[in-house]
Amino acid sequence: MTIQLKVPSMVCDACANSVTKAIHNVDGNADVNVDLNTKLVSIDGNASEEDIRAAIAKAGHTTES
């Protein structure tokens, strides 16, 4: 299942790395692609969107629909 989320609080590579790590904590096998220019994160994995959003929030970042 592929999920695409906008994470407007990502502004640098460190932010992208923390978001990616948070997603991998929920789904270690997920394929995560981050585009800092558009602030879009694409996740191809098995975790639910709710779990991914919660993990990103726990890492200190916000998501939009």
C-alpha atoms as a PDB file:
ATOM      1  CA  MET A   1       0.000   0.000   0.000  1.00  0.00           C
ATOM      2  CA  THR A   2       1.380   3.401  -0.966  1.00  0.00           C
ATOM      3  CA  ILE A   3       0.672   6.439   1.194  1.00  0.00           C
ATOM      4  CA  GLN A   4       1.620   9.998   0.290  1.00  0.00           C
ATOM      5  CA  LEU A   5       1.736  12.682   2.973  1.00  0.00           C
ATOM      6  CA  LYS A   6       2.691  16.340   2.979  1.00  0.00           C
ATOM      7  CA  VAL A   7       5.032  17.192   5.881  1.00  0.00           C
ATOM      8  CA  PRO A   8       5.330  21.002   5.827  1.00  0.00           C
ATOM      9  CA  SER A   9       7.645  21.111   8.839  1.00  0.00           C
ATOM     10  CA  MET A  10      10.486  19.367   6.932  1.00  0.00           C
ATOM     11  CA  VAL A  11      13.051  21.996   5.969  1.00  0.00           C
ATOM     12  CA  CYS A  12      16.386  20.149   5.828  1.00  0.00           C
ATOM     13  CA  ASP A  13      18.056  16.777   5.390  1.00  0.00           C
ATOM     14  CA  ALA A  14      18.048  16.196   9.151  1.00  0.00           C
ATOM     15  CA  CYS A  15      14.260  16.672   9.168  1.00  0.00           C
ATOM     16  CA  ALA A  16      13.892  14.229   6.283  1.00  0.00           C
ATOM     17  CA  ASN A  17      16.078  11.712   8.119  1.00  0.00           C
ATOM     18  CA  SER A  18      14.053  11.990  11.334  1.00  0.00           C
ATOM     19  CA  VAL A  19      10.787  11.500   9.416  1.00  0.00           C
ATOM     20  CA  THR A  20      12.236   8.495   7.574  1.00  0.00           C
ATOM     21  CA  LYS A  21      13.514   6.986  10.837  1.00  0.00           C
ATOM     22  CA  ALA A  22      10.116   7.511  12.505  1.00  0.00           C
ATOM     23  CA  ILE A  23       8.386   5.690   9.643  1.00  0.00           C
ATOM     24  CA  HIS A  24      10.902   2.837   9.783  1.00  0.00           C
ATOM     25  CA  ASN A  25      10.212   2.497  13.529  1.00  0.00           C
ATOM     26  CA  VAL A  26       6.598   1.687  12.602  1.00  0.00           C
ATOM     27  CA  ASP A  27       7.377  -0.366   9.476  1.00  0.00           C
ATOM     28  CA  GLY A  28      10.992  -1.459   9.181  1.00  0.00           C
ATOM     29  CA  ASN A  29      10.535  -2.730   5.631  1.00  0.00           C
ATOM     30  CA  ALA A  30       8.805   0.364   4.247  1.00  0.00           C
ATOM     31  CA  ASP A  31      10.203   2.062   1.161  1.00  0.00           C
ATOM     32  CA  VAL A  32      10.293   5.777   2.034  1.00  0.00           C
ATOM     33  CA  ASN A  33      10.919   8.575  -0.477  1.00  0.00           C
ATOM     34  CA  VAL A  34      11.211  12.173   0.728  1.00  0.00           C
ATOM     35  CA  ASP A  35      11.088  15.214  -1.559  1.00  0.00           C
ATOM     36  CA  LEU A  36      12.172  18.271   0.436  1.00  0.00           C
ATOM     37  CA  ASN A  37      11.223  20.654  -2.397  1.00  0.00           C
ATOM     38  CA  THR A  38       7.562  19.627  -2.362  1.00  0.00           C
ATOM     39  CA  LYS A  39       7.644  18.396   1.270  1.00  0.00           C
ATOM     40  CA  LEU A  40       6.013  15.147   0.137  1.00  0.00           C
ATOM     41  CA  VAL A  41       6.750  11.787   1.692  1.00  0.00           C
ATOM     42  CA  SER A  42       5.782   8.614  -0.182  1.00  0.00           C
ATOM     43  CA  ILE A  43       5.628   5.427   1.855  1.00  0.00           C
ATOM     44  CA  ASP A  44       5.221   1.986   0.325  1.00  0.00           C
ATOM     45  CA  GLY A  45       4.676  -0.387   3.208  1.00  0.00           C
ATOM     46  CA  ASN A  46       2.244  -2.206   5.461  1.00  0.00           C
ATOM     47  CA  ALA A  47       1.647   0.285   8.305  1.00  0.00           C
ATOM     48  CA  SER A  48      -1.629   2.200   8.452  1.00  0.00           C
ATOM     49  CA  GLU A  49      -1.757   5.882   7.592  1.00  0.00           C
ATOM     50  CA  GLU A  50      -2.830   6.648  11.163  1.00  0.00           C
ATOM     51  CA  ASP A  51       0.213   4.857  12.600  1.00  0.00           C
ATOM     52  CA  ILE A  52       2.546   6.663  10.198  1.00  0.00           C
ATOM     53  CA  ARG A  53       1.024  10.066  10.990  1.00  0.00           C
ATOM     54  CA  ALA A  54       1.362   9.339  14.719  1.00  0.00           C
ATOM     55  CA  ALA A  55       5.031   8.352  14.315  1.00  0.00           C
ATOM     56  CA  ILE A  56       5.783  11.516  12.335  1.00  0.00           C
ATOM     57  CA  ALA A  57       4.041  13.633  14.989  1.00  0.00           C
ATOM     58  CA  LYS A  58       6.002  11.871  17.749  1.00  0.00           C
ATOM     59  CA  ALA A  59       9.185  12.831  15.863  1.00  0.00           C
ATOM     60  CA  GLY A  60       8.088  16.475  16.117  1.00  0.00           C
ATOM     61  CA  HIS A  61       6.721  17.049  12.617  1.00  0.00           C
ATOM     62  CA  THR A  62       3.294  17.935  11.281  1.00  0.00           C
ATOM     63  CA  THR A  63       1.378  16.309   8.424  1.00  0.00           C
ATOM     64  CA  GLU A  64      -1.326  17.592   6.113  1.00  0.00           C
ATOM     65  CA  SER A  65      -3.882  15.667   4.086  1.00  0.00           C
END
